[in-house]
């Protein structure tokens, strides 16, 4: 009986017990914040990657090999956190409107340059574009270059709890020189 009285009366060790109860929650919260920061950082880097490549490609008439060379530098944008070679891909597509309306059936994909096995959501070269970003309308005799960046995100810590997700970012630029209907000869 004296043992029970002392057990409830003495307060030594309370902090240790509370710390033992709170420590797993602190670890879980820290891991969640880390995962969220990495996801946000990756989304930001992918959006910037799409914008930088779209801007660089539309500055001047360009060859397919030059576009491929530019796109192969994408891995440097995601360093040191993510490996673009295993989880990422890019597709650059030029859409030209030769019709008299903004109807997508009057537009055509003139050329396309993918890397790392990218499959454009717009379609393939020679076909009508579908899924234009933000329902973009290309005016008569105008062209746009759409850069699509794909990345297969795999959670770093919560692998079993959060499923893999394909991140997708686009940028759309109007060619600054000409219409870029065709790529320059090699």
N, C-alpha and C. Protein backbone atom coordinates (compact mmCIF):
# COMPACT_ATOMS: atom_id res chain seq x y z
N UNK A 1 0.82 -1.19 0.00
CA UNK A 1 0.00 0.00 0.00
C UNK A 1 0.87 1.26 0.00
N UNK A 2 1.96 1.21 0.74
CA UNK A 2 2.86 2.34 0.80
C UNK A 2 3.45 2.61 -0.59
N UNK A 3 3.67 1.55 -1.36
CA UNK A 3 4.20 1.69 -2.72
C UNK A 3 3.26 2.50 -3.60
N UNK A 4 1.96 2.22 -3.53
CA UNK A 4 0.99 2.96 -4.33
C UNK A 4 0.89 4.42 -3.92
N UNK A 5 0.98 4.66 -2.64
CA UNK A 5 0.92 6.05 -2.16
C UNK A 5 2.13 6.83 -2.68
N UNK A 6 3.31 6.23 -2.60
CA UNK A 6 4.52 6.89 -3.10
C UNK A 6 4.46 7.05 -4.62
N UNK A 7 3.86 6.09 -5.29
CA UNK A 7 3.78 6.15 -6.75
C UNK A 7 3.00 7.38 -7.21
N UNK A 8 1.89 7.67 -6.56
CA UNK A 8 1.07 8.80 -6.97
C UNK A 8 1.55 10.11 -6.38
N UNK A 9 2.31 10.09 -5.31
CA UNK A 9 2.75 11.30 -4.64
C UNK A 9 4.02 11.86 -5.29
N UNK A 10 4.94 11.03 -5.66
CA UNK A 10 6.22 11.50 -6.18
C UNK A 10 6.07 11.91 -7.65
N UNK A 11 6.69 13.01 -7.99
CA UNK A 11 6.59 13.56 -9.34
C UNK A 11 7.89 13.40 -10.14
N UNK A 12 8.86 12.73 -9.65
CA UNK A 12 10.12 12.53 -10.36
C UNK A 12 9.88 11.64 -11.58
N UNK A 13 10.45 12.04 -12.69
CA UNK A 13 10.32 11.24 -13.91
C UNK A 13 9.16 11.66 -14.80
N UNK A 14 8.36 12.64 -14.37
CA UNK A 14 7.24 13.10 -15.21
C UNK A 14 7.72 13.63 -16.56
N UNK A 15 8.77 14.41 -16.51
CA UNK A 15 9.28 15.01 -17.75
C UNK A 15 9.77 13.93 -18.69
N UNK A 16 10.42 12.92 -18.15
CA UNK A 16 10.93 11.84 -18.98
C UNK A 16 9.78 11.07 -19.65
N UNK A 17 8.72 10.84 -18.93
CA UNK A 17 7.57 10.13 -19.50
C UNK A 17 6.88 10.99 -20.56
N UNK A 18 6.71 12.27 -20.27
CA UNK A 18 6.08 13.16 -21.25
C UNK A 18 6.94 13.27 -22.52
N UNK A 19 8.25 13.35 -22.32
CA UNK A 19 9.16 13.41 -23.47
C UNK A 19 9.07 12.14 -24.30
N UNK A 20 8.99 11.00 -23.65
CA UNK A 20 8.88 9.73 -24.37
C UNK A 20 7.57 9.64 -25.16
N UNK A 21 6.52 10.26 -24.65
CA UNK A 21 5.25 10.27 -25.37
C UNK A 21 5.25 11.26 -26.54
N UNK A 22 5.91 12.39 -26.36
CA UNK A 22 5.89 13.45 -27.37
C UNK A 22 6.93 13.22 -28.48
N UNK A 23 8.05 12.56 -28.17
CA UNK A 23 9.14 12.39 -29.14
C UNK A 23 8.70 11.76 -30.47
N UNK A 24 7.90 10.70 -30.48
CA UNK A 24 7.47 10.16 -31.78
C UNK A 24 6.63 11.15 -32.59
N UNK A 25 5.82 11.95 -31.90
CA UNK A 25 5.03 12.96 -32.61
C UNK A 25 5.92 14.04 -33.22
N UNK A 26 6.97 14.42 -32.50
CA UNK A 26 7.91 15.41 -33.02
C UNK A 26 8.62 14.85 -34.26
N UNK A 27 9.05 13.59 -34.20
CA UNK A 27 9.69 12.96 -35.36
C UNK A 27 8.73 12.89 -36.55
N UNK A 28 7.50 12.51 -36.30
CA UNK A 28 6.50 12.41 -37.37
C UNK A 28 6.23 13.79 -38.00
N UNK A 29 6.08 14.79 -37.16
CA UNK A 29 5.84 16.14 -37.65
C UNK A 29 7.04 16.65 -38.45
N UNK A 30 8.24 16.41 -37.96
CA UNK A 30 9.45 16.84 -38.67
C UNK A 30 9.57 16.13 -40.02
N UNK A 31 9.28 14.85 -40.05
CA UNK A 31 9.35 14.09 -41.31
C UNK A 31 8.30 14.61 -42.30
N UNK A 32 7.11 14.93 -41.82
CA UNK A 32 6.07 15.47 -42.69
C UNK A 32 6.45 16.83 -43.26
N UNK A 33 7.03 17.68 -42.43
CA UNK A 33 7.48 18.99 -42.91
C UNK A 33 8.58 18.82 -43.95
N UNK A 34 9.51 17.90 -43.69
CA UNK A 34 10.59 17.63 -44.65
C UNK A 34 10.02 17.17 -45.99
N UNK A 35 9.08 16.24 -45.95
CA UNK A 35 8.48 15.71 -47.18
C UNK A 35 7.75 16.81 -47.95
N UNK A 36 7.02 17.66 -47.24
CA UNK A 36 6.30 18.76 -47.87
C UNK A 36 7.25 19.77 -48.50
N UNK A 37 8.34 20.09 -47.81
CA UNK A 37 9.32 21.03 -48.35
C UNK A 37 9.97 20.46 -49.61
N UNK A 38 10.31 19.19 -49.60
CA UNK A 38 10.93 18.57 -50.78
C UNK A 38 9.96 18.55 -51.96
N UNK A 39 8.68 18.26 -51.71
CA UNK A 39 7.66 18.25 -52.76
C UNK A 39 7.49 19.65 -53.36
N UNK A 40 7.45 20.66 -52.50
CA UNK A 40 7.30 22.04 -52.95
C UNK A 40 8.53 22.49 -53.73
N UNK A 41 9.71 22.14 -53.24
CA UNK A 41 10.95 22.48 -53.93
C UNK A 41 10.99 21.84 -55.32
N UNK A 42 10.60 20.59 -55.42
CA UNK A 42 10.59 19.90 -56.71
C UNK A 42 9.61 20.56 -57.68
N UNK A 43 8.41 20.88 -57.22
CA UNK A 43 7.43 21.55 -58.08
C UNK A 43 7.97 22.88 -58.59
N UNK A 44 8.60 23.63 -57.71
CA UNK A 44 9.18 24.91 -58.10
C UNK A 44 10.28 24.72 -59.14
N UNK A 45 11.15 23.75 -58.93
CA UNK A 45 12.24 23.50 -59.87
C UNK A 45 11.71 23.03 -61.23
N UNK A 46 10.67 22.21 -61.22
CA UNK A 46 10.10 21.74 -62.49
C UNK A 46 9.45 22.88 -63.27
N UNK A 47 8.75 23.77 -62.58
CA UNK A 47 8.12 24.91 -63.24
C UNK A 47 9.19 25.82 -63.85
N UNK A 48 10.27 26.05 -63.12
CA UNK A 48 11.36 26.87 -63.65
C UNK A 48 12.07 26.18 -64.80
N UNK A 49 12.22 24.86 -64.71
CA UNK A 49 12.85 24.11 -65.80
C UNK A 49 12.05 24.26 -67.09
N UNK A 50 10.74 24.11 -67.01
CA UNK A 50 9.89 24.27 -68.20
C UNK A 50 10.02 25.67 -68.77
N UNK A 51 10.03 26.68 -67.92
CA UNK A 51 10.11 28.06 -68.39
C UNK A 51 11.47 28.37 -69.01
N UNK A 52 12.53 27.92 -68.38
CA UNK A 52 13.88 28.21 -68.90
C UNK A 52 14.09 27.56 -70.26
N UNK A 53 13.69 26.30 -70.40
CA UNK A 53 13.89 25.62 -71.67
C UNK A 53 13.00 26.20 -72.76
N UNK A 54 11.76 26.50 -72.43
CA UNK A 54 10.88 27.12 -73.42
C UNK A 54 11.43 28.45 -73.91
N UNK A 55 11.93 29.24 -72.99
CA UNK A 55 12.51 30.54 -73.34
C UNK A 55 13.76 30.37 -74.21
N UNK A 56 14.64 29.46 -73.83
CA UNK A 56 15.89 29.26 -74.58
C UNK A 56 15.64 28.74 -75.99
N UNK A 57 14.68 27.86 -76.13
CA UNK A 57 14.42 27.24 -77.44
C UNK A 57 13.79 28.22 -78.41
N UNK A 58 12.96 29.13 -77.92
CA UNK A 58 12.24 30.05 -78.82
C UNK A 58 13.02 31.32 -79.15
N UNK A 59 14.22 31.46 -78.68
CA UNK A 59 14.99 32.68 -78.95
C UNK A 59 15.44 32.81 -80.40
N UNK A 60 15.70 31.70 -81.05
CA UNK A 60 16.21 31.74 -82.42
C UNK A 60 15.87 30.43 -83.11
N UNK A 61 15.97 30.41 -84.43
CA UNK A 61 15.79 29.15 -85.15
C UNK A 61 16.84 28.17 -84.65
N UNK A 62 16.48 26.93 -84.54
CA UNK A 62 17.33 25.97 -83.83
C UNK A 62 17.26 24.61 -84.52
N UNK A 63 18.29 23.82 -84.32
CA UNK A 63 18.34 22.46 -84.86
C UNK A 63 17.84 21.48 -83.80
N UNK A 64 17.39 20.33 -84.27
CA UNK A 64 16.91 19.29 -83.35
C UNK A 64 18.02 18.86 -82.40
N UNK A 65 19.24 18.73 -82.90
CA UNK A 65 20.35 18.31 -82.05
C UNK A 65 20.65 19.35 -80.97
N UNK A 66 20.44 20.63 -81.28
CA UNK A 66 20.65 21.68 -80.28
C UNK A 66 19.57 21.62 -79.20
N UNK A 67 18.34 21.35 -79.60
CA UNK A 67 17.26 21.20 -78.61
C UNK A 67 17.56 20.01 -77.71
N UNK A 68 17.94 18.89 -78.30
CA UNK A 68 18.26 17.70 -77.51
C UNK A 68 19.41 17.99 -76.56
N UNK A 69 20.42 18.70 -77.03
CA UNK A 69 21.54 19.07 -76.16
C UNK A 69 21.10 19.94 -75.00
N UNK A 70 20.23 20.91 -75.28
CA UNK A 70 19.69 21.75 -74.20
C UNK A 70 18.91 20.92 -73.19
N UNK A 71 18.03 20.07 -73.69
CA UNK A 71 17.17 19.28 -72.80
C UNK A 71 17.97 18.31 -71.95
N UNK A 72 19.09 17.84 -72.46
CA UNK A 72 19.92 16.92 -71.69
C UNK A 72 20.61 17.59 -70.50
N UNK A 73 20.56 18.91 -70.44
CA UNK A 73 21.12 19.61 -69.28
C UNK A 73 20.11 19.72 -68.14
N UNK A 74 18.92 19.18 -68.31
CA UNK A 74 17.87 19.29 -67.29
C UNK A 74 18.30 18.70 -65.96
N UNK A 75 19.14 17.69 -66.00
CA UNK A 75 19.55 17.06 -64.74
C UNK A 75 20.25 18.05 -63.82
N UNK A 76 20.90 19.06 -64.38
CA UNK A 76 21.59 20.03 -63.53
C UNK A 76 20.61 20.95 -62.81
N UNK A 77 19.41 21.11 -63.33
CA UNK A 77 18.41 21.95 -62.67
C UNK A 77 17.90 21.32 -61.37
N UNK A 78 17.85 20.01 -61.33
CA UNK A 78 17.26 19.33 -60.18
C UNK A 78 18.30 18.87 -59.15
N UNK A 79 19.56 19.06 -59.45
CA UNK A 79 20.58 18.67 -58.48
C UNK A 79 20.50 19.59 -57.29
N UNK A 80 20.86 19.20 -56.15
CA UNK A 80 21.41 17.90 -55.74
C UNK A 80 20.34 16.94 -55.23
N UNK A 81 19.06 17.33 -55.30
CA UNK A 81 18.03 16.55 -54.61
C UNK A 81 17.41 15.43 -55.43
N UNK A 82 17.21 15.64 -56.71
CA UNK A 82 16.43 14.70 -57.49
C UNK A 82 17.21 14.24 -58.72
N UNK A 83 17.00 13.01 -59.13
CA UNK A 83 17.68 12.45 -60.30
C UNK A 83 16.73 12.49 -61.49
N UNK A 84 16.97 13.42 -62.39
CA UNK A 84 16.08 13.61 -63.54
C UNK A 84 16.16 12.45 -64.51
N UNK A 85 17.30 11.78 -64.61
CA UNK A 85 17.45 10.68 -65.56
C UNK A 85 16.54 9.51 -65.25
N UNK A 86 16.28 9.25 -63.98
CA UNK A 86 15.44 8.10 -63.62
C UNK A 86 13.96 8.46 -63.48
N UNK A 87 13.64 9.70 -63.14
CA UNK A 87 12.24 10.03 -62.89
C UNK A 87 11.65 11.10 -63.78
N UNK A 88 12.47 11.73 -64.64
CA UNK A 88 11.97 12.87 -65.39
C UNK A 88 12.05 12.72 -66.88
N UNK A 89 11.24 13.51 -67.57
CA UNK A 89 11.29 13.55 -69.03
C UNK A 89 10.72 14.89 -69.49
N UNK A 90 11.11 15.28 -70.70
CA UNK A 90 10.67 16.56 -71.26
C UNK A 90 10.26 16.34 -72.72
N UNK A 91 9.21 17.03 -73.12
CA UNK A 91 8.80 17.04 -74.53
C UNK A 91 8.60 18.49 -74.96
N UNK A 92 9.22 18.85 -76.07
CA UNK A 92 9.06 20.18 -76.65
C UNK A 92 8.27 20.02 -77.94
N UNK A 93 7.17 20.76 -78.05
CA UNK A 93 6.25 20.60 -79.18
C UNK A 93 5.95 21.97 -79.79
N UNK A 94 5.98 22.03 -81.12
CA UNK A 94 5.62 23.25 -81.81
C UNK A 94 4.24 23.07 -82.43
N UNK A 95 3.33 23.99 -82.14
CA UNK A 95 1.96 23.94 -82.66
C UNK A 95 1.77 25.15 -83.58
N UNK A 96 1.31 24.88 -84.80
CA UNK A 96 1.13 25.93 -85.81
C UNK A 96 -0.33 25.95 -86.26
N UNK A 97 -0.88 27.16 -86.39
CA UNK A 97 -2.26 27.31 -86.86
C UNK A 97 -2.23 27.85 -88.28
N UNK A 98 -2.61 27.02 -89.22
CA UNK A 98 -2.65 27.46 -90.62
C UNK A 98 -4.07 27.77 -91.06
N UNK A 99 -5.02 27.62 -90.17
CA UNK A 99 -6.42 27.85 -90.51
C UNK A 99 -6.83 29.28 -90.27
N UNK A 100 -8.11 29.54 -90.47
CA UNK A 100 -8.64 30.89 -90.29
C UNK A 100 -9.39 31.03 -88.97
N UNK A 101 -9.26 30.06 -88.10
CA UNK A 101 -9.97 30.14 -86.82
C UNK A 101 -9.04 29.63 -85.72
N UNK A 102 -9.53 29.73 -84.51
CA UNK A 102 -8.76 29.23 -83.38
C UNK A 102 -9.17 27.82 -83.00
N UNK A 103 -9.85 27.16 -83.91
CA UNK A 103 -10.29 25.78 -83.69
C UNK A 103 -9.06 24.86 -83.70
N UNK A 104 -8.89 24.02 -82.67
CA UNK A 104 -7.73 23.12 -82.63
C UNK A 104 -7.63 22.19 -83.83
N UNK A 105 -8.75 21.92 -84.50
CA UNK A 105 -8.67 21.03 -85.66
C UNK A 105 -8.01 21.71 -86.86
N UNK A 106 -7.80 23.02 -86.78
CA UNK A 106 -7.09 23.76 -87.84
C UNK A 106 -5.60 23.88 -87.51
N UNK A 107 -5.22 23.47 -86.32
CA UNK A 107 -3.82 23.55 -85.91
C UNK A 107 -3.15 22.21 -86.16
N UNK A 108 -1.84 22.23 -86.23
CA UNK A 108 -1.10 20.99 -86.44
C UNK A 108 0.19 21.05 -85.61
N UNK A 109 0.58 19.90 -85.13
CA UNK A 109 1.87 19.79 -84.43
C UNK A 109 2.92 19.60 -85.52
N UNK A 110 3.76 20.62 -85.71
CA UNK A 110 4.76 20.58 -86.79
C UNK A 110 5.93 19.68 -86.44
N UNK A 111 6.43 19.79 -85.23
CA UNK A 111 7.55 18.95 -84.81
C UNK A 111 7.51 18.75 -83.30
N UNK A 112 8.27 17.78 -82.87
CA UNK A 112 8.30 17.43 -81.45
C UNK A 112 9.66 16.82 -81.12
N UNK A 113 10.23 17.21 -79.98
CA UNK A 113 11.51 16.66 -79.53
C UNK A 113 11.33 16.18 -78.09
N UNK A 114 11.26 14.86 -77.87
CA UNK A 114 11.17 14.33 -76.50
C UNK A 114 12.53 13.80 -76.02
N UNK A 115 12.74 13.80 -74.71
CA UNK A 115 13.89 13.10 -74.14
C UNK A 115 13.41 12.23 -72.99
N UNK A 116 14.20 11.23 -72.69
CA UNK A 116 13.90 10.27 -71.61
C UNK A 116 12.54 9.60 -71.80
N UNK A 117 12.13 9.37 -73.02
CA UNK A 117 10.89 8.66 -73.30
C UNK A 117 9.62 9.44 -73.03
N UNK A 118 9.69 10.76 -73.10
CA UNK A 118 8.51 11.59 -72.84
C UNK A 118 7.45 11.37 -73.91
N UNK A 119 6.20 11.31 -73.47
CA UNK A 119 5.06 11.24 -74.38
C UNK A 119 4.23 12.49 -74.13
N UNK A 120 4.18 13.37 -75.11
CA UNK A 120 3.49 14.64 -74.96
C UNK A 120 1.99 14.43 -74.77
N UNK A 121 1.39 15.23 -73.93
CA UNK A 121 -0.07 15.19 -73.74
C UNK A 121 -0.79 15.92 -74.88
N UNK A 122 -0.03 16.62 -75.71
CA UNK A 122 -0.62 17.35 -76.83
C UNK A 122 -0.91 16.45 -78.02
N UNK A 123 -0.15 15.39 -78.17
CA UNK A 123 -0.28 14.51 -79.32
C UNK A 123 1.08 14.27 -79.95
N UNK A 124 1.07 13.79 -81.19
CA UNK A 124 2.32 13.49 -81.89
C UNK A 124 2.47 14.42 -83.09
N UNK A 125 3.68 14.49 -83.62
CA UNK A 125 3.96 15.35 -84.77
C UNK A 125 3.09 14.93 -85.95
N UNK A 126 2.50 15.93 -86.61
CA UNK A 126 1.63 15.69 -87.75
C UNK A 126 0.16 15.57 -87.39
N UNK A 127 -0.16 15.52 -86.11
CA UNK A 127 -1.56 15.38 -85.69
C UNK A 127 -2.09 16.71 -85.16
N UNK A 128 -3.39 16.75 -84.90
CA UNK A 128 -4.00 17.92 -84.29
C UNK A 128 -3.70 17.90 -82.80
N UNK A 129 -3.44 19.06 -82.22
CA UNK A 129 -3.15 19.07 -80.78
C UNK A 129 -4.42 18.88 -79.96
N UNK A 130 -4.29 18.12 -78.91
CA UNK A 130 -5.37 18.03 -77.93
C UNK A 130 -4.77 18.37 -76.58
N UNK A 131 -5.58 18.77 -75.65
CA UNK A 131 -5.12 19.14 -74.31
C UNK A 131 -4.15 20.32 -74.33
N UNK A 132 -4.46 21.35 -75.09
CA UNK A 132 -3.60 22.54 -75.07
C UNK A 132 -3.62 23.14 -73.66
N UNK A 133 -2.47 23.57 -73.15
CA UNK A 133 -2.42 24.13 -71.80
C UNK A 133 -3.38 25.31 -71.65
N UNK A 134 -4.19 25.27 -70.62
CA UNK A 134 -5.16 26.32 -70.31
C UNK A 134 -6.06 26.66 -71.50
N UNK A 135 -6.40 25.66 -72.31
CA UNK A 135 -7.24 25.85 -73.50
C UNK A 135 -6.71 26.97 -74.39
N UNK A 136 -5.41 27.01 -74.55
CA UNK A 136 -4.74 28.04 -75.34
C UNK A 136 -5.24 28.02 -76.78
N UNK A 137 -5.49 29.19 -77.32
CA UNK A 137 -5.90 29.34 -78.72
C UNK A 137 -4.75 29.98 -79.49
N UNK A 138 -4.32 29.34 -80.56
CA UNK A 138 -3.26 29.87 -81.40
C UNK A 138 -3.91 30.60 -82.57
N UNK A 139 -3.55 31.86 -82.77
CA UNK A 139 -4.16 32.67 -83.82
C UNK A 139 -3.68 32.23 -85.20
N UNK A 140 -4.37 32.71 -86.24
CA UNK A 140 -4.07 32.35 -87.62
C UNK A 140 -2.62 32.69 -87.99
N UNK A 141 -1.97 31.74 -88.65
CA UNK A 141 -0.57 31.87 -89.09
C UNK A 141 0.38 32.18 -87.94
N UNK A 142 0.06 31.73 -86.78
CA UNK A 142 0.94 31.89 -85.61
C UNK A 142 1.37 30.51 -85.13
N UNK A 143 2.43 30.50 -84.36
CA UNK A 143 2.93 29.25 -83.80
C UNK A 143 3.31 29.47 -82.34
N UNK A 144 3.24 28.40 -81.58
CA UNK A 144 3.72 28.42 -80.19
C UNK A 144 4.57 27.18 -79.96
N UNK A 145 5.48 27.30 -79.03
CA UNK A 145 6.30 26.17 -78.62
C UNK A 145 5.92 25.84 -77.18
N UNK A 146 5.46 24.62 -76.98
CA UNK A 146 5.02 24.16 -75.66
C UNK A 146 6.09 23.22 -75.10
N UNK A 147 6.58 23.54 -73.92
CA UNK A 147 7.54 22.68 -73.24
C UNK A 147 6.82 21.99 -72.09
N UNK A 148 6.83 20.67 -72.09
CA UNK A 148 6.19 19.88 -71.05
C UNK A 148 7.26 19.14 -70.25
N UNK A 149 7.21 19.27 -68.94
CA UNK A 149 8.16 18.59 -68.07
C UNK A 149 7.37 17.62 -67.20
N UNK A 150 7.80 16.36 -67.20
CA UNK A 150 7.17 15.31 -66.41
C UNK A 150 8.18 14.81 -65.38
N UNK A 151 7.71 14.50 -64.18
CA UNK A 151 8.60 13.90 -63.18
C UNK A 151 7.78 12.94 -62.32
N UNK A 152 8.28 11.74 -62.15
CA UNK A 152 7.63 10.73 -61.32
C UNK A 152 8.13 10.92 -59.89
N UNK A 153 7.30 11.57 -59.06
CA UNK A 153 7.70 11.86 -57.68
C UNK A 153 7.47 10.64 -56.81
N UNK A 154 8.50 10.27 -56.08
CA UNK A 154 8.41 9.19 -55.11
C UNK A 154 8.73 9.77 -53.75
N UNK A 155 7.84 9.62 -52.77
CA UNK A 155 8.10 10.17 -51.45
C UNK A 155 9.41 9.64 -50.88
N UNK A 156 10.11 10.48 -50.16
CA UNK A 156 11.40 10.11 -49.61
C UNK A 156 11.23 9.33 -48.31
N UNK A 157 10.38 9.80 -47.43
CA UNK A 157 10.21 9.17 -46.12
C UNK A 157 8.95 8.32 -46.06
N UNK A 158 7.84 8.83 -46.53
CA UNK A 158 6.55 8.15 -46.41
C UNK A 158 6.25 7.30 -47.64
N UNK A 159 7.19 6.48 -48.04
CA UNK A 159 7.05 5.68 -49.25
C UNK A 159 5.83 4.78 -49.23
N UNK A 160 5.55 4.14 -48.12
CA UNK A 160 4.43 3.22 -48.05
C UNK A 160 3.09 3.90 -47.82
N UNK A 161 3.11 5.16 -47.40
CA UNK A 161 1.87 5.85 -47.04
C UNK A 161 1.37 6.80 -48.13
N UNK A 162 2.29 7.40 -48.86
CA UNK A 162 1.92 8.34 -49.92
C UNK A 162 2.28 7.70 -51.25
N UNK A 163 1.34 7.66 -52.17
CA UNK A 163 1.59 7.01 -53.46
C UNK A 163 2.44 7.92 -54.36
N UNK A 164 3.10 7.29 -55.33
CA UNK A 164 3.88 8.04 -56.31
C UNK A 164 2.95 8.92 -57.12
N UNK A 165 3.46 10.05 -57.58
CA UNK A 165 2.64 11.01 -58.31
C UNK A 165 3.44 11.56 -59.48
N UNK A 166 2.81 11.64 -60.64
CA UNK A 166 3.46 12.24 -61.80
C UNK A 166 3.20 13.74 -61.78
N UNK A 167 4.26 14.51 -61.65
CA UNK A 167 4.15 15.96 -61.67
C UNK A 167 4.29 16.43 -63.12
N UNK A 168 3.53 17.44 -63.48
CA UNK A 168 3.48 17.91 -64.87
C UNK A 168 3.46 19.43 -64.89
N UNK A 169 4.41 20.01 -65.59
CA UNK A 169 4.47 21.47 -65.72
C UNK A 169 4.68 21.82 -67.18
N UNK A 170 4.08 22.93 -67.60
CA UNK A 170 4.22 23.36 -68.99
C UNK A 170 4.64 24.83 -69.05
N UNK A 171 5.21 25.19 -70.16
CA UNK A 171 5.42 26.60 -70.48
C UNK A 171 5.11 26.77 -71.96
N UNK A 172 4.59 27.93 -72.31
CA UNK A 172 4.23 28.21 -73.70
C UNK A 172 4.91 29.52 -74.11
N UNK A 173 5.64 29.47 -75.20
CA UNK A 173 6.32 30.65 -75.72
C UNK A 173 6.03 30.79 -77.21
N UNK A 174 5.98 32.04 -77.66
CA UNK A 174 5.86 32.33 -79.08
C UNK A 174 7.28 32.50 -79.62
N UNK A 175 7.60 31.87 -80.75
CA UNK A 175 8.96 32.03 -81.31
C UNK A 175 9.27 33.50 -81.58
N UNK A 176 10.46 33.92 -81.22
CA UNK A 176 10.85 35.31 -81.40
C UNK A 176 11.31 35.61 -82.83
N UNK A 177 11.86 34.60 -83.50
CA UNK A 177 12.35 34.76 -84.87
C UNK A 177 11.60 33.78 -85.75
N UNK A 178 10.78 34.28 -86.66
CA UNK A 178 10.03 33.39 -87.54
C UNK A 178 8.95 32.63 -86.78
N UNK A 179 8.51 31.54 -87.38
CA UNK A 179 7.46 30.74 -86.74
C UNK A 179 7.96 29.39 -86.27
N UNK A 180 9.21 29.05 -86.63
CA UNK A 180 9.80 27.76 -86.25
C UNK A 180 8.94 26.60 -86.72
N UNK A 181 8.30 26.73 -87.89
CA UNK A 181 7.44 25.66 -88.40
C UNK A 181 8.26 24.40 -88.61
N UNK A 182 9.50 24.58 -89.00
CA UNK A 182 10.38 23.41 -89.13
C UNK A 182 11.70 23.73 -88.44
N UNK A 183 12.36 22.69 -88.00
CA UNK A 183 13.66 22.86 -87.37
C UNK A 183 14.72 23.04 -88.45
N UNK A 184 15.79 23.72 -88.10
CA UNK A 184 16.87 23.92 -89.07
C UNK A 184 17.51 22.59 -89.42
N UNK A 185 18.05 22.52 -90.63
CA UNK A 185 18.72 21.29 -91.07
C UNK A 185 20.00 21.09 -90.27
N UNK A 186 20.36 19.84 -90.09
CA UNK A 186 21.57 19.51 -89.33
C UNK A 186 22.81 19.88 -90.10
